[in-house]
Amino acid sequence: MASRKRPSKSDSADDPAWIANLVANPIVTVETDHLKFQATAAVAEGADREALWDRHVAEHPQFADYLSKTDRVIPVARLKPLG
């Protein structure tokens, strides 16, 4: 059976590689169906991270049990559009 990649690495003890990449290179390009723009990314911490996580779980309930699967804090990034 092929392994399934999880961008959050939900039950892993280690953060996903994209977090280190984001910290090293915080200028990102965001693309959606209707938008494309550059932004600065930062790993959210404290109350900001909690608020973002809660909002994410509200919009994507399948993430609700992720925190119970690991001892680490699952990283969340905040994007600030440039320009």
PDB file of N, CA and C in Angstrom:
ATOM      1  N   MET A   1       0.850  -1.178   0.000  1.00  0.00           N
ATOM      2  CA  MET A   1       0.000   0.000   0.000  1.00  0.00           C
ATOM      3  C   MET A   1       0.896   1.242   0.000  1.00  0.00           C
ATOM      4  N   ALA A   2       0.612   2.173  -0.850  1.00  0.00           N
ATOM      5  CA  ALA A   2       1.388   3.412  -0.934  1.00  0.00           C
ATOM      6  C   ALA A   2       1.108   4.281   0.278  1.00  0.00           C
ATOM      7  N   SER A   3       2.153   4.968   0.743  1.00  0.00           N
ATOM      8  CA  SER A   3       1.938   5.868   1.877  1.00  0.00           C
ATOM      9  C   SER A   3       1.181   7.100   1.417  1.00  0.00           C
ATOM     10  N   ARG A   4       0.422   7.655   2.311  1.00  0.00           N
ATOM     11  CA  ARG A   4      -0.375   8.839   2.009  1.00  0.00           C
ATOM     12  C   ARG A   4       0.315  10.041   2.616  1.00  0.00           C
ATOM     13  N   LYS A   5       0.638  11.030   1.809  1.00  0.00           N
ATOM     14  CA  LYS A   5       1.310  12.219   2.316  1.00  0.00           C
ATOM     15  C   LYS A   5       0.319  13.108   3.039  1.00  0.00           C
ATOM     16  N   ARG A   6       0.738  13.616   4.198  1.00  0.00           N
ATOM     17  CA  ARG A   6      -0.092  14.507   4.996  1.00  0.00           C
ATOM     18  C   ARG A   6       0.682  15.792   5.209  1.00  0.00           C
ATOM     19  N   PRO A   7       0.262  16.889   4.624  1.00  0.00           N
ATOM     20  CA  PRO A   7       1.006  18.135   4.791  1.00  0.00           C
ATOM     21  C   PRO A   7       1.183  18.551   6.243  1.00  0.00           C
ATOM     22  N   SER A   8       0.287  18.147   7.118  1.00  0.00           N
ATOM     23  CA  SER A   8       0.399  18.512   8.533  1.00  0.00           C
ATOM     24  C   SER A   8       1.206  17.489   9.319  1.00  0.00           C
ATOM     25  N   LYS A   9       1.446  16.304   8.731  1.00  0.00           N
ATOM     26  CA  LYS A   9       2.082  15.181   9.444  1.00  0.00           C
ATOM     27  C   LYS A   9       1.370  14.959  10.773  1.00  0.00           C
ATOM     28  N   SER A  10       0.068  14.831  10.714  1.00  0.00           N
ATOM     29  CA  SER A  10      -0.817  14.835  11.880  1.00  0.00           C
ATOM     30  C   SER A  10      -0.339  14.043  13.079  1.00  0.00           C
ATOM     31  N   ASP A  11       0.093  12.803  12.894  1.00  0.00           N
ATOM     32  CA  ASP A  11       0.463  11.992  14.047  1.00  0.00           C
ATOM     33  C   ASP A  11       1.971  11.829  14.198  1.00  0.00           C
ATOM     34  N   SER A  12       2.727  12.620  13.476  1.00  0.00           N
ATOM     35  CA  SER A  12       4.179  12.540  13.537  1.00  0.00           C
ATOM     36  C   SER A  12       4.726  13.373  14.697  1.00  0.00           C
ATOM     37  N   ALA A  13       5.897  12.974  15.181  1.00  0.00           N
ATOM     38  CA  ALA A  13       6.573  13.746  16.232  1.00  0.00           C
ATOM     39  C   ALA A  13       7.329  14.931  15.652  1.00  0.00           C
ATOM     40  N   ASP A  14       7.499  14.957  14.339  1.00  0.00           N
ATOM     41  CA  ASP A  14       8.257  16.014  13.668  1.00  0.00           C
ATOM     42  C   ASP A  14       7.354  16.903  12.828  1.00  0.00           C
ATOM     43  N   ASP A  15       7.742  18.173  12.724  1.00  0.00           N
ATOM     44  CA  ASP A  15       7.017  19.091  11.839  1.00  0.00           C
ATOM     45  C   ASP A  15       7.283  18.721  10.384  1.00  0.00           C
ATOM     46  N   PRO A  16       6.357  19.056   9.502  1.00  0.00           N
ATOM     47  CA  PRO A  16       6.587  18.805   8.085  1.00  0.00           C
ATOM     48  C   PRO A  16       7.712  19.693   7.549  1.00  0.00           C
ATOM     49  N   ALA A  17       8.389  19.241   6.500  1.00  0.00           N
ATOM     50  CA  ALA A  17       9.517  19.974   5.929  1.00  0.00           C
ATOM     51  C   ALA A  17       9.117  21.361   5.435  1.00  0.00           C
ATOM     52  N   TRP A  18       7.865  21.532   5.025  1.00  0.00           N
ATOM     53  CA  TRP A  18       7.474  22.832   4.477  1.00  0.00           C
ATOM     54  C   TRP A  18       7.572  23.948   5.513  1.00  0.00           C
ATOM     55  N   ILE A  19       7.505  23.619   6.800  1.00  0.00           N
ATOM     56  CA  ILE A  19       7.632  24.654   7.835  1.00  0.00           C
ATOM     57  C   ILE A  19       9.036  25.238   7.822  1.00  0.00           C
ATOM     58  N   ALA A  20      10.051  24.386   7.782  1.00  0.00           N
ATOM     59  CA  ALA A  20      11.432  24.875   7.721  1.00  0.00           C
ATOM     60  C   ALA A  20      11.654  25.680   6.445  1.00  0.00           C
ATOM     61  N   ASN A  21      11.076  25.230   5.344  1.00  0.00           N
ATOM     62  CA  ASN A  21      11.194  25.961   4.080  1.00  0.00           C
ATOM     63  C   ASN A  21      10.532  27.330   4.178  1.00  0.00           C
ATOM     64  N   LEU A  22       9.399  27.390   4.832  1.00  0.00           N
ATOM     65  CA  LEU A  22       8.663  28.641   4.994  1.00  0.00           C
ATOM     66  C   LEU A  22       9.442  29.631   5.851  1.00  0.00           C
ATOM     67  N   VAL A  23      10.052  29.142   6.910  1.00  0.00           N
ATOM     68  CA  VAL A  23      10.855  30.005   7.785  1.00  0.00           C
ATOM     69  C   VAL A  23      12.073  30.529   7.020  1.00  0.00           C
ATOM     70  N   ALA A  24      12.703  29.661   6.243  1.00  0.00           N
ATOM     71  CA  ALA A  24      13.892  30.060   5.486  1.00  0.00           C
ATOM     72  C   ALA A  24      13.559  30.976   4.314  1.00  0.00           C
ATOM     73  N   ASN A  25      12.380  30.799   3.733  1.00  0.00           N
ATOM     74  CA  ASN A  25      11.948  31.565   2.549  1.00  0.00           C
ATOM     75  C   ASN A  25      10.512  32.032   2.744  1.00  0.00           C
ATOM     76  N   PRO A  26      10.282  33.092   3.507  1.00  0.00           N
ATOM     77  CA  PRO A  26       8.921  33.477   3.882  1.00  0.00           C
ATOM     78  C   PRO A  26       8.097  34.178   2.790  1.00  0.00           C
ATOM     79  N   ILE A  27       8.715  34.542   1.668  1.00  0.00           N
ATOM     80  CA  ILE A  27       7.932  35.139   0.584  1.00  0.00           C
ATOM     81  C   ILE A  27       7.343  34.005  -0.237  1.00  0.00           C
ATOM     82  N   VAL A  28       6.016  33.967  -0.301  1.00  0.00           N
ATOM     83  CA  VAL A  28       5.308  32.883  -0.987  1.00  0.00           C
ATOM     84  C   VAL A  28       4.369  33.443  -2.045  1.00  0.00           C
ATOM     85  N   THR A  29       3.997  32.587  -2.975  1.00  0.00           N
ATOM     86  CA  THR A  29       2.977  32.930  -3.955  1.00  0.00           C
ATOM     87  C   THR A  29       1.741  32.107  -3.623  1.00  0.00           C
ATOM     88  N   VAL A  30       0.611  32.772  -3.475  1.00  0.00           N
ATOM     89  CA  VAL A  30      -0.660  32.128  -3.173  1.00  0.00           C
ATOM     90  C   VAL A  30      -1.471  32.084  -4.463  1.00  0.00           C
ATOM     91  N   GLU A  31      -1.961  30.911  -4.802  1.00  0.00           N
ATOM     92  CA  GLU A  31      -2.785  30.763  -5.998  1.00  0.00           C
ATOM     93  C   GLU A  31      -4.061  30.018  -5.637  1.00  0.00           C
ATOM     94  N   THR A  32      -5.198  30.599  -6.017  1.00  0.00           N
ATOM     95  CA  THR A  32      -6.496  29.943  -5.874  1.00  0.00           C
ATOM     96  C   THR A  32      -7.174  30.001  -7.234  1.00  0.00           C
ATOM     97  N   ASP A  33      -8.411  29.560  -7.298  1.00  0.00           N
ATOM     98  CA  ASP A  33      -9.136  29.609  -8.569  1.00  0.00           C
ATOM     99  C   ASP A  33      -9.257  31.020  -9.118  1.00  0.00           C
ATOM    100  N   HIS A  34      -9.355  32.012  -8.228  1.00  0.00           N
ATOM    101  CA  HIS A  34      -9.653  33.371  -8.663  1.00  0.00           C
ATOM    102  C   HIS A  34      -8.584  34.397  -8.307  1.00  0.00           C
ATOM    103  N   LEU A  35      -7.589  34.005  -7.527  1.00  0.00           N
ATOM    104  CA  LEU A  35      -6.582  34.954  -7.061  1.00  0.00           C
ATOM    105  C   LEU A  35      -5.182  34.395  -7.236  1.00  0.00           C
ATOM    106  N   LYS A  36      -4.237  35.310  -7.419  1.00  0.00           N
ATOM    107  CA  LYS A  36      -2.825  34.968  -7.373  1.00  0.00           C
ATOM    108  C   LYS A  36      -2.112  36.195  -6.828  1.00  0.00           C
ATOM    109  N   PHE A  37      -1.382  36.015  -5.699  1.00  0.00           N
ATOM    110  CA  PHE A  37      -0.682  37.145  -5.107  1.00  0.00           C
ATOM    111  C   PHE A  37       0.501  36.640  -4.288  1.00  0.00           C
ATOM    112  N   GLN A  38       1.423  37.551  -4.001  1.00  0.00           N
ATOM    113  CA  GLN A  38       2.552  37.223  -3.144  1.00  0.00           C
ATOM    114  C   GLN A  38       2.234  37.653  -1.719  1.00  0.00           C
ATOM    115  N   ALA A  39       2.814  36.923  -0.776  1.00  0.00           N
ATOM    116  CA  ALA A  39       2.581  37.202   0.638  1.00  0.00           C
ATOM    117  C   ALA A  39       3.829  36.850   1.432  1.00  0.00           C
ATOM    118  N   THR A  40       3.885  37.401   2.632  1.00  0.00           N
ATOM    119  CA  THR A  40       4.904  37.011   3.597  1.00  0.00           C
ATOM    120  C   THR A  40       4.244  36.028   4.550  1.00  0.00           C
ATOM    121  N   ALA A  41       4.906  34.894   4.765  1.00  0.00           N
ATOM    122  CA  ALA A  41       4.374  33.862   5.650  1.00  0.00           C
ATOM    123  C   ALA A  41       5.149  33.851   6.957  1.00  0.00           C
ATOM    124  N   ALA A  42       4.431  33.613   8.045  1.00  0.00           N
ATOM    125  CA  ALA A  42       5.063  33.490   9.351  1.00  0.00           C
ATOM    126  C   ALA A  42       4.329  32.409  10.136  1.00  0.00           C
ATOM    127  N   VAL A  43       5.085  31.633  10.892  1.00  0.00           N
ATOM    128  CA  VAL A  43       4.472  30.610  11.732  1.00  0.00           C
ATOM    129  C   VAL A  43       3.804  31.322  12.906  1.00  0.00           C
ATOM    130  N   ALA A  44       2.509  31.099  13.057  1.00  0.00           N
ATOM    131  CA  ALA A  44       1.745  31.748  14.128  1.00  0.00           C
ATOM    132  C   ALA A  44       2.063  31.087  15.466  1.00  0.00           C
ATOM    133  N   GLU A  45       1.989  31.886  16.520  1.00  0.00           N
ATOM    134  CA  GLU A  45       2.265  31.380  17.861  1.00  0.00           C
ATOM    135  C   GLU A  45       1.211  31.864  18.848  1.00  0.00           C
ATOM    136  N   GLY A  46       1.142  31.190  19.980  1.00  0.00           N
ATOM    137  CA  GLY A  46       0.286  31.621  21.080  1.00  0.00           C
ATOM    138  C   GLY A  46      -1.189  31.715  20.713  1.00  0.00           C
ATOM    139  N   ALA A  47      -1.818  32.778  21.190  1.00  0.00           N
ATOM    140  CA  ALA A  47      -3.255  32.974  20.987  1.00  0.00           C
ATOM    141  C   ALA A  47      -3.599  33.113  19.507  1.00  0.00           C
ATOM    142  N   ASP A  48      -2.691  33.723  18.727  1.00  0.00           N
ATOM    143  CA  ASP A  48      -2.928  33.857  17.286  1.00  0.00           C
ATOM    144  C   ASP A  48      -2.997  32.487  16.632  1.00  0.00           C
ATOM    145  N   ARG A  49      -2.069  31.596  16.984  1.00  0.00           N
ATOM    146  CA  ARG A  49      -2.075  30.248  16.423  1.00  0.00           C
ATOM    147  C   ARG A  49      -3.348  29.499  16.825  1.00  0.00           C
ATOM    148  N   GLU A  50      -3.727  29.624  18.094  1.00  0.00           N
ATOM    149  CA  GLU A  50      -4.936  28.947  18.574  1.00  0.00           C
ATOM    150  C   GLU A  50      -6.174  29.415  17.822  1.00  0.00           C
ATOM    151  N   ALA A  51      -6.287  30.722  17.613  1.00  0.00           N
ATOM    152  CA  ALA A  51      -7.440  31.267  16.889  1.00  0.00           C
ATOM    153  C   ALA A  51      -7.463  30.773  15.443  1.00  0.00           C
ATOM    154  N   LEU A  52      -6.295  30.756  14.795  1.00  0.00           N
ATOM    155  CA  LEU A  52      -6.224  30.261  13.423  1.00  0.00           C
ATOM    156  C   LEU A  52      -6.549  28.776  13.364  1.00  0.00           C
ATOM    157  N   TRP A  53      -6.036  28.001  14.315  1.00  0.00           N
ATOM    158  CA  TRP A  53      -6.318  26.568  14.344  1.00  0.00           C
ATOM    159  C   TRP A  53      -7.819  26.323  14.534  1.00  0.00           C
ATOM    160  N   ASP A  54      -8.431  27.038  15.472  1.00  0.00           N
ATOM    161  CA  ASP A  54      -9.866  26.871  15.721  1.00  0.00           C
ATOM    162  C   ASP A  54     -10.686  27.202  14.477  1.00  0.00           C
ATOM    163  N   ARG A  55     -10.298  28.248  13.774  1.00  0.00           N
ATOM    164  CA  ARG A  55     -10.999  28.624  12.537  1.00  0.00           C
ATOM    165  C   ARG A  55     -10.823  27.538  11.473  1.00  0.00           C
ATOM    166  N   HIS A  56      -9.609  27.011  11.372  1.00  0.00           N
ATOM    167  CA  HIS A  56      -9.338  25.945  10.405  1.00  0.00           C
ATOM    168  C   HIS A  56     -10.183  24.711  10.703  1.00  0.00           C
ATOM    169  N   VAL A  57     -10.240  24.318  11.970  1.00  0.00           N
ATOM    170  CA  VAL A  57     -11.027  23.145  12.358  1.00  0.00           C
ATOM    171  C   VAL A  57     -12.518  23.389  12.109  1.00  0.00           C
ATOM    172  N   ALA A  58     -12.987  24.605  12.339  1.00  0.00           N
ATOM    173  CA  ALA A  58     -14.395  24.916  12.080  1.00  0.00           C
ATOM    174  C   ALA A  58     -14.728  24.745  10.593  1.00  0.00           C
ATOM    175  N   GLU A  59     -13.776  25.101   9.738  1.00  0.00           N
ATOM    176  CA  GLU A  59     -14.001  24.994   8.292  1.00  0.00           C
ATOM    177  C   GLU A  59     -13.675  23.601   7.748  1.00  0.00           C
ATOM    178  N   HIS A  60     -12.820  22.853   8.466  1.00  0.00           N
ATOM    179  CA  HIS A  60     -12.391  21.520   8.028  1.00  0.00           C
ATOM    180  C   HIS A  60     -12.408  20.580   9.235  1.00  0.00           C
ATOM    181  N   PRO A  61     -13.583  20.094   9.635  1.00  0.00           N
ATOM    182  CA  PRO A  61     -13.733  19.312  10.860  1.00  0.00           C
ATOM    183  C   PRO A  61     -12.861  18.053  10.938  1.00  0.00           C
ATOM    184  N   GLN A  62     -12.395  17.559   9.806  1.00  0.00           N
ATOM    185  CA  GLN A  62     -11.562  16.351   9.829  1.00  0.00           C
ATOM    186  C   GLN A  62     -10.246  16.567  10.583  1.00  0.00           C
ATOM    187  N   PHE A  63      -9.864  17.830  10.835  1.00  0.00           N
ATOM    188  CA  PHE A  63      -8.643  18.128  11.577  1.00  0.00           C
ATOM    189  C   PHE A  63      -8.860  18.162  13.094  1.00  0.00           C
ATOM    190  N   ALA A  64     -10.084  18.022  13.542  1.00  0.00           N
ATOM    191  CA  ALA A  64     -10.410  18.186  14.961  1.00  0.00           C
ATOM    192  C   ALA A  64      -9.623  17.256  15.879  1.00  0.00           C
ATOM    193  N   ASP A  65      -9.365  16.028  15.452  1.00  0.00           N
ATOM    194  CA  ASP A  65      -8.686  15.087  16.335  1.00  0.00           C
ATOM    195  C   ASP A  65      -7.168  15.043  16.148  1.00  0.00           C
ATOM    196  N   TYR A  66      -6.618  15.868  15.286  1.00  0.00           N
ATOM    197  CA  TYR A  66      -5.175  15.847  15.036  1.00  0.00           C
ATOM    198  C   TYR A  66      -4.361  16.102  16.300  1.00  0.00           C
ATOM    199  N   LEU A  67      -4.786  17.040  17.127  1.00  0.00           N
ATOM    200  CA  LEU A  67      -4.009  17.393  18.313  1.00  0.00           C
ATOM    201  C   LEU A  67      -3.913  16.245  19.307  1.00  0.00           C
ATOM    202  N   SER A  68      -4.881  15.360  19.285  1.00  0.00           N
ATOM    203  CA  SER A  68      -4.846  14.222  20.203  1.00  0.00           C
ATOM    204  C   SER A  68      -3.916  13.114  19.707  1.00  0.00           C
ATOM    205  N   LYS A  69      -3.410  13.230  18.486  1.00  0.00           N
ATOM    206  CA  LYS A  69      -2.558  12.197  17.899  1.00  0.00           C
ATOM    207  C   LYS A  69      -1.067  12.462  18.076  1.00  0.00           C
ATOM    208  N   THR A  70      -0.692  13.623  18.613  1.00  0.00           N
ATOM    209  CA  THR A  70       0.718  13.963  18.740  1.00  0.00           C
ATOM    210  C   THR A  70       0.944  14.855  19.956  1.00  0.00           C
ATOM    211  N   ASP A  71       2.167  14.879  20.433  1.00  0.00           N
ATOM    212  CA  ASP A  71       2.520  15.754  21.549  1.00  0.00           C
ATOM    213  C   ASP A  71       2.992  17.127  21.071  1.00  0.00           C
ATOM    214  N   ARG A  72       3.305  17.249  19.797  1.00  0.00           N
ATOM    215  CA  ARG A  72       3.812  18.524  19.297  1.00  0.00           C
ATOM    216  C   ARG A  72       2.662  19.481  18.987  1.00  0.00           C
ATOM    217  N   VAL A  73       2.995  20.733  18.899  1.00  0.00           N
ATOM    218  CA  VAL A  73       2.023  21.741  18.463  1.00  0.00           C
ATOM    219  C   VAL A  73       2.061  21.747  16.936  1.00  0.00           C
ATOM    220  N   ILE A  74       0.948  21.467  16.310  1.00  0.00           N
ATOM    221  CA  ILE A  74       0.893  21.450  14.849  1.00  0.00           C
ATOM    222  C   ILE A  74       0.998  22.889  14.349  1.00  0.00           C
ATOM    223  N   PRO A  75       1.995  23.166  13.514  1.00  0.00           N
ATOM    224  CA  PRO A  75       2.199  24.543  13.072  1.00  0.00           C
ATOM    225  C   PRO A  75       1.103  25.057  12.152  1.00  0.00           C
ATOM    226  N   VAL A  76       0.872  26.358  12.273  1.00  0.00           N
ATOM    227  CA  VAL A  76      -0.098  27.049  11.430  1.00  0.00           C
ATOM    228  C   VAL A  76       0.617  28.316  10.931  1.00  0.00           C
ATOM    229  N   ALA A  77       0.465  28.608   9.665  1.00  0.00           N
ATOM    230  CA  ALA A  77       1.117  29.790   9.099  1.00  0.00           C
ATOM    231  C   ALA A  77       0.094  30.883   8.846  1.00  0.00           C
ATOM    232  N   ARG A  78       0.516  32.104   9.117  1.00  0.00           N
ATOM    233  CA  ARG A  78      -0.302  33.287   8.792  1.00  0.00           C
ATOM    234  C   ARG A  78       0.328  33.943   7.579  1.00  0.00           C
ATOM    235  N   LEU A  79      -0.492  34.307   6.607  1.00  0.00           N
ATOM    236  CA  LEU A  79      -0.026  34.952   5.390  1.00  0.00           C
ATOM    237  C   LEU A  79      -0.440  36.419   5.386  1.00  0.00           C
ATOM    238  N   LYS A  80       0.500  37.297   5.053  1.00  0.00           N
ATOM    239  CA  LYS A  80       0.219  38.717   4.954  1.00  0.00           C
ATOM    240  C   LYS A  80       0.514  39.133   3.517  1.00  0.00           C
ATOM    241  N   PRO A  81      -0.528  39.510   2.761  1.00  0.00           N
ATOM    242  CA  PRO A  81      -0.310  39.908   1.360  1.00  0.00           C
ATOM    243  C   PRO A  81       0.691  41.045   1.236  1.00  0.00           C
ATOM    244  N   LEU A  82       1.533  40.980   0.232  1.00  0.00           N
ATOM    245  CA  LEU A  82       2.486  42.055  -0.062  1.00  0.00           C
ATOM    246  C   LEU A  82       1.818  43.091  -0.947  1.00  0.00           C
ATOM    247  N   GLY A  83       2.214  44.328  -0.752  1.00  0.00           N
ATOM    248  CA  GLY A  83       1.722  45.373  -1.642  1.00  0.00           C
ATOM    249  C   GLY A  83       0.477  46.049  -1.248  1.00  0.00           C
TER     250      GLY A  83
END
